[in-house]
Amino acid sequence: MSEMVPDYITPAVRAVIGAVSPPQLATHPVEPSEIRRFHQAVMDHAPRYWDEAAAARYGGVVAPMGFPVHAHRRAEDQEDPLAAMDRPDFDGVDRALRPGLPEVVVPLKRLMNGGYEYELFRHARPGERIVLRSRYADIYQRNGRTGPIVFVVIEDSYETETGERLLLSVNTMILR
């Protein structure tokens, strides 16, 4: 006789599918020094990131395409997330998975990053403020050899304050 597999996609979990976070405005505008550090870190030394003449076809210096994903840092008045390290049950992850989204309440303890897909629209420019909106695109369950697995698909949309799309990121989180 086969063992019953619990269904973790409850009505409460289904209710958060489609939930959208309020807009999360980056704490400060894109700065040339951040662009420099980012392009050096990813070892992309294209002159469009620092030379106005080389960047003329873009209308001026631009940030690397992946920059918006890393533009959101905690504000100076926000609590340091590492302060929670003193809690014995803290695993480093908030079950809301993104700021402004509701928690995904399933009794599975292990969390893995299942990967990212990116759709790129345009480069961010110095002086622009980046806005992030997150959405639970889907939450579903599969049954693996070792038991149930819940997949949480999150879309992160990065735009300028004026609504110009910069980047769409789709992240799959895996709970086991």
C-alpha atoms as a PDB file:
ATOM      1  CA  MET A   1       0.000   0.000   0.000  1.00  0.00           C
ATOM      2  CA  SER A   2       1.384   3.420  -0.919  1.00  0.00           C
ATOM      3  CA  GLU A   3       1.850   6.119   1.658  1.00  0.00           C
ATOM      4  CA  MET A   4      -0.365   9.217   1.484  1.00  0.00           C
ATOM      5  CA  VAL A   5       1.590  12.277   0.380  1.00  0.00           C
ATOM      6  CA  PRO A   6       0.421  15.490   2.063  1.00  0.00           C
ATOM      7  CA  ASP A   7      -0.772  18.300  -0.184  1.00  0.00           C
ATOM      8  CA  TYR A   8       1.005  21.454   0.956  1.00  0.00           C
ATOM      9  CA  ILE A   9      -0.743  23.657  -1.600  1.00  0.00           C
ATOM     10  CA  THR A  10      -3.559  24.583   0.748  1.00  0.00           C
ATOM     11  CA  PRO A  11      -6.206  27.232   0.036  1.00  0.00           C
ATOM     12  CA  ALA A  12      -4.086  29.679   2.089  1.00  0.00           C
ATOM     13  CA  VAL A  13      -1.047  28.983  -0.111  1.00  0.00           C
ATOM     14  CA  ARG A  14      -3.147  29.238  -3.301  1.00  0.00           C
ATOM     15  CA  ALA A  15      -4.433  32.603  -2.061  1.00  0.00           C
ATOM     16  CA  VAL A  16      -0.942  34.166  -2.231  1.00  0.00           C
ATOM     17  CA  ILE A  17      -0.391  33.177  -5.892  1.00  0.00           C
ATOM     18  CA  GLY A  18      -0.521  36.425  -7.850  1.00  0.00           C
ATOM     19  CA  ALA A  19       0.250  38.566  -4.784  1.00  0.00           C
ATOM     20  CA  VAL A  20       2.287  41.642  -5.741  1.00  0.00           C
ATOM     21  CA  SER A  21       4.572  43.590  -3.437  1.00  0.00           C
ATOM     22  CA  PRO A  22       4.273  47.331  -3.100  1.00  0.00           C
ATOM     23  CA  PRO A  23       6.926  49.157  -5.147  1.00  0.00           C
ATOM     24  CA  GLN A  24      10.340  48.957  -3.462  1.00  0.00           C
ATOM     25  CA  LEU A  25      12.316  52.085  -4.347  1.00  0.00           C
ATOM     26  CA  ALA A  26      16.108  51.708  -4.233  1.00  0.00           C
ATOM     27  CA  THR A  27      17.576  53.647  -1.312  1.00  0.00           C
ATOM     28  CA  HIS A  28      19.565  55.913  -3.646  1.00  0.00           C
ATOM     29  CA  PRO A  29      20.030  56.632  -7.371  1.00  0.00           C
ATOM     30  CA  VAL A  30      22.428  54.704  -9.596  1.00  0.00           C
ATOM     31  CA  GLU A  31      25.885  56.202  -9.029  1.00  0.00           C
ATOM     32  CA  PRO A  32      28.961  56.096 -11.304  1.00  0.00           C
ATOM     33  CA  SER A  33      31.080  54.605  -8.502  1.00  0.00           C
ATOM     34  CA  GLU A  34      28.579  51.737  -8.118  1.00  0.00           C
ATOM     35  CA  ILE A  35      28.650  51.130 -11.869  1.00  0.00           C
ATOM     36  CA  ARG A  36      32.461  50.996 -11.727  1.00  0.00           C
ATOM     37  CA  ARG A  37      32.505  48.524  -8.839  1.00  0.00           C
ATOM     38  CA  PHE A  38      29.846  46.361 -10.486  1.00  0.00           C
ATOM     39  CA  HIS A  39      31.483  46.154 -13.916  1.00  0.00           C
ATOM     40  CA  GLN A  40      34.827  45.408 -12.267  1.00  0.00           C
ATOM     41  CA  ALA A  41      33.250  42.684 -10.113  1.00  0.00           C
ATOM     42  CA  VAL A  42      31.687  40.950 -13.116  1.00  0.00           C
ATOM     43  CA  MET A  43      34.864  41.562 -15.160  1.00  0.00           C
ATOM     44  CA  ASP A  44      33.043  43.368 -17.954  1.00  0.00           C
ATOM     45  CA  HIS A  45      35.299  46.277 -18.858  1.00  0.00           C
ATOM     46  CA  ALA A  46      33.301  47.642 -21.801  1.00  0.00           C
ATOM     47  CA  PRO A  47      33.937  51.402 -22.162  1.00  0.00           C
ATOM     48  CA  ARG A  48      30.179  52.144 -22.227  1.00  0.00           C
ATOM     49  CA  TYR A  49      30.253  51.883 -18.416  1.00  0.00           C
ATOM     50  CA  TRP A  50      32.734  54.749 -17.951  1.00  0.00           C
ATOM     51  CA  ASP A  51      33.505  56.565 -21.231  1.00  0.00           C
ATOM     52  CA  GLU A  52      30.905  59.060 -22.499  1.00  0.00           C
ATOM     53  CA  ALA A  53      32.220  58.909 -26.083  1.00  0.00           C
ATOM     54  CA  ALA A  54      32.069  55.100 -26.180  1.00  0.00           C
ATOM     55  CA  ALA A  55      28.593  55.223 -24.615  1.00  0.00           C
ATOM     56  CA  ALA A  56      27.204  57.760 -27.106  1.00  0.00           C
ATOM     57  CA  ARG A  57      25.027  55.152 -28.844  1.00  0.00           C
ATOM     58  CA  TYR A  58      23.336  54.538 -25.456  1.00  0.00           C
ATOM     59  CA  GLY A  59      22.815  58.240 -24.794  1.00  0.00           C
ATOM     60  CA  GLY A  60      25.589  58.285 -22.185  1.00  0.00           C
ATOM     61  CA  VAL A  61      27.265  56.045 -19.652  1.00  0.00           C
ATOM     62  CA  VAL A  62      25.125  53.072 -18.590  1.00  0.00           C
ATOM     63  CA  ALA A  63      25.206  50.345 -15.949  1.00  0.00           C
ATOM     64  CA  PRO A  64      25.678  46.672 -16.883  1.00  0.00           C
ATOM     65  CA  MET A  65      22.391  44.920 -17.676  1.00  0.00           C
ATOM     66  CA  GLY A  66      22.359  42.868 -14.450  1.00  0.00           C
ATOM     67  CA  PHE A  67      22.946  45.893 -12.226  1.00  0.00           C
ATOM     68  CA  PRO A  68      19.286  46.464 -11.168  1.00  0.00           C
ATOM     69  CA  VAL A  69      19.208  43.111  -9.342  1.00  0.00           C
ATOM     70  CA  HIS A  70      21.883  44.409  -6.951  1.00  0.00           C
ATOM     71  CA  ALA A  71      20.687  48.010  -6.601  1.00  0.00           C
ATOM     72  CA  HIS A  72      18.451  47.386  -3.580  1.00  0.00           C
ATOM     73  CA  ARG A  73      20.274  47.553  -0.286  1.00  0.00           C
ATOM     74  CA  ARG A  74      18.930  48.038   3.158  1.00  0.00           C
ATOM     75  CA  ALA A  75      18.375  51.640   4.146  1.00  0.00           C
ATOM     76  CA  GLU A  76      20.463  53.030   6.974  1.00  0.00           C
ATOM     77  CA  ASP A  77      17.454  53.033   9.322  1.00  0.00           C
ATOM     78  CA  GLN A  78      16.545  49.376   8.612  1.00  0.00           C
ATOM     79  CA  GLU A  79      17.562  46.567  10.929  1.00  0.00           C
ATOM     80  CA  ASP A  80      20.521  44.471   9.847  1.00  0.00           C
ATOM     81  CA  PRO A  81      19.148  41.048   8.841  1.00  0.00           C
ATOM     82  CA  LEU A  82      22.143  39.382  10.488  1.00  0.00           C
ATOM     83  CA  ALA A  83      20.830  40.592  13.852  1.00  0.00           C
ATOM     84  CA  ALA A  84      18.446  37.602  13.699  1.00  0.00           C
ATOM     85  CA  MET A  85      21.406  35.197  13.785  1.00  0.00           C
ATOM     86  CA  ASP A  86      20.917  34.956  17.562  1.00  0.00           C
ATOM     87  CA  ARG A  87      17.601  33.140  17.045  1.00  0.00           C
ATOM     88  CA  PRO A  88      18.180  29.361  17.137  1.00  0.00           C
ATOM     89  CA  ASP A  89      15.560  28.769  14.411  1.00  0.00           C
ATOM     90  CA  PHE A  90      16.894  31.449  12.019  1.00  0.00           C
ATOM     91  CA  ASP A  91      17.997  29.936   8.709  1.00  0.00           C
ATOM     92  CA  GLY A  92      18.903  33.207   7.002  1.00  0.00           C
ATOM     93  CA  VAL A  93      15.728  33.341   4.934  1.00  0.00           C
ATOM     94  CA  ASP A  94      12.443  35.106   5.510  1.00  0.00           C
ATOM     95  CA  ARG A  95       9.566  32.879   4.360  1.00  0.00           C
ATOM     96  CA  ALA A  96       8.042  35.893   2.630  1.00  0.00           C
ATOM     97  CA  LEU A  97      10.936  35.341   0.175  1.00  0.00           C
ATOM     98  CA  ARG A  98      10.745  38.975  -1.006  1.00  0.00           C
ATOM     99  CA  PRO A  99      10.074  42.272   0.795  1.00  0.00           C
ATOM    100  CA  GLY A 100       6.394  43.144   0.705  1.00  0.00           C
ATOM    101  CA  LEU A 101       5.142  39.658  -0.229  1.00  0.00           C
ATOM    102  CA  PRO A 102       3.170  37.489   2.199  1.00  0.00           C
ATOM    103  CA  GLU A 103       4.758  34.403   3.718  1.00  0.00           C
ATOM    104  CA  VAL A 104       4.415  31.077   1.939  1.00  0.00           C
ATOM    105  CA  VAL A 105       3.330  28.886   4.839  1.00  0.00           C
ATOM    106  CA  VAL A 106       4.336  25.275   4.260  1.00  0.00           C
ATOM    107  CA  PRO A 107       5.870  23.013   6.918  1.00  0.00           C
ATOM    108  CA  LEU A 108       9.017  22.274   4.906  1.00  0.00           C
ATOM    109  CA  LYS A 109      12.302  23.390   6.458  1.00  0.00           C
ATOM    110  CA  ARG A 110      14.844  23.163   3.632  1.00  0.00           C
ATOM    111  CA  LEU A 111      15.052  25.921   1.039  1.00  0.00           C
ATOM    112  CA  MET A 112      17.067  25.859  -2.182  1.00  0.00           C
ATOM    113  CA  ASN A 113      17.507  28.304  -4.998  1.00  0.00           C
ATOM    114  CA  GLY A 114      16.205  26.592  -8.143  1.00  0.00           C
ATOM    115  CA  GLY A 115      17.683  29.153 -10.523  1.00  0.00           C
ATOM    116  CA  TYR A 116      16.948  32.365 -12.373  1.00  0.00           C
ATOM    117  CA  GLU A 117      15.842  33.402 -15.836  1.00  0.00           C
ATOM    118  CA  TYR A 118      16.322  36.979 -17.024  1.00  0.00           C
ATOM    119  CA  GLU A 119      14.663  39.120 -19.657  1.00  0.00           C
ATOM    120  CA  LEU A 120      16.661  42.279 -20.319  1.00  0.00           C
ATOM    121  CA  PHE A 121      15.080  45.474 -21.661  1.00  0.00           C
ATOM    122  CA  ARG A 122      17.563  48.327 -21.266  1.00  0.00           C
ATOM    123  CA  HIS A 123      20.524  49.578 -19.234  1.00  0.00           C
ATOM    124  CA  ALA A 124      20.018  51.654 -16.093  1.00  0.00           C
ATOM    125  CA  ARG A 125      21.662  55.081 -16.189  1.00  0.00           C
ATOM    126  CA  PRO A 126      23.428  57.175 -13.560  1.00  0.00           C
ATOM    127  CA  GLY A 127      20.933  59.264 -11.599  1.00  0.00           C
ATOM    128  CA  GLU A 128      17.975  56.900 -12.106  1.00  0.00           C
ATOM    129  CA  ARG A 129      16.201  55.340  -9.133  1.00  0.00           C
ATOM    130  CA  ILE A 130      15.302  51.699  -9.607  1.00  0.00           C
ATOM    131  CA  VAL A 131      11.921  50.360  -8.511  1.00  0.00           C
ATOM    132  CA  LEU A 132      11.357  46.670  -7.757  1.00  0.00           C
ATOM    133  CA  ARG A 133       7.975  44.937  -7.764  1.00  0.00           C
ATOM    134  CA  SER A 134       7.800  41.243  -6.894  1.00  0.00           C
ATOM    135  CA  ARG A 135       4.985  38.800  -7.621  1.00  0.00           C
ATOM    136  CA  TYR A 136       4.306  35.176  -6.785  1.00  0.00           C
ATOM    137  CA  ALA A 137       3.774  33.886 -10.330  1.00  0.00           C
ATOM    138  CA  ASP A 138       3.083  30.289  -9.288  1.00  0.00           C
ATOM    139  CA  ILE A 139       3.344  27.873  -6.376  1.00  0.00           C
ATOM    140  CA  TYR A 140       3.039  24.167  -7.052  1.00  0.00           C
ATOM    141  CA  GLN A 141       3.986  20.802  -5.608  1.00  0.00           C
ATOM    142  CA  ARG A 142       5.720  17.751  -7.067  1.00  0.00           C
ATOM    143  CA  ASN A 143       6.400  14.513  -5.303  1.00  0.00           C
ATOM    144  CA  GLY A 144      10.010  13.341  -5.358  1.00  0.00           C
ATOM    145  CA  ARG A 145      11.658  10.128  -4.209  1.00  0.00           C
ATOM    146  CA  THR A 146      12.183  11.574  -0.738  1.00  0.00           C
ATOM    147  CA  GLY A 147       8.800  13.252  -0.396  1.00  0.00           C
ATOM    148  CA  PRO A 148       6.933  16.382  -1.436  1.00  0.00           C
ATOM    149  CA  ILE A 149       8.703  19.356  -3.005  1.00  0.00           C
ATOM    150  CA  VAL A 150       7.110  22.805  -3.265  1.00  0.00           C
ATOM    151  CA  PHE A 151       8.210  25.200  -6.016  1.00  0.00           C
ATOM    152  CA  VAL A 152       7.672  28.939  -5.582  1.00  0.00           C
ATOM    153  CA  VAL A 153       8.069  30.975  -8.777  1.00  0.00           C
ATOM    154  CA  ILE A 154       8.755  34.673  -8.162  1.00  0.00           C
ATOM    155  CA  GLU A 155       8.826  37.378 -10.824  1.00  0.00           C
ATOM    156  CA  ASP A 156      10.884  40.455  -9.967  1.00  0.00           C
ATOM    157  CA  SER A 157      10.243  43.415 -12.263  1.00  0.00           C
ATOM    158  CA  TYR A 158      12.816  46.227 -12.225  1.00  0.00           C
ATOM    159  CA  GLU A 159      11.835  49.615 -13.656  1.00  0.00           C
ATOM    160  CA  THR A 160      12.812  53.257 -13.466  1.00  0.00           C
ATOM    161  CA  GLU A 161      10.712  55.658 -11.398  1.00  0.00           C
ATOM    162  CA  THR A 162       9.052  56.728 -14.655  1.00  0.00           C
ATOM    163  CA  GLY A 163       8.000  53.138 -15.414  1.00  0.00           C
ATOM    164  CA  GLU A 164      10.560  52.199 -18.074  1.00  0.00           C
ATOM    165  CA  ARG A 165      11.270  48.468 -17.869  1.00  0.00           C
ATOM    166  CA  LEU A 166      14.875  47.514 -17.166  1.00  0.00           C
ATOM    167  CA  LEU A 167      14.851  43.823 -16.343  1.00  0.00           C
ATOM    168  CA  LEU A 168      12.515  40.950 -15.474  1.00  0.00           C
ATOM    169  CA  SER A 169      13.903  38.183 -13.290  1.00  0.00           C
ATOM    170  CA  VAL A 170      12.078  34.891 -12.710  1.00  0.00           C
ATOM    171  CA  ASN A 171      13.375  32.957  -9.697  1.00  0.00           C
ATOM    172  CA  THR A 172      12.295  29.477  -8.650  1.00  0.00           C
ATOM    173  CA  MET A 173      12.676  28.652  -4.963  1.00  0.00           C
ATOM    174  CA  ILE A 174      12.434  25.012  -3.872  1.00  0.00           C
ATOM    175  CA  LEU A 175      11.149  23.974  -0.449  1.00  0.00           C
ATOM    176  CA  ARG A 176      11.713  20.403   0.758  1.00  0.00           C
END
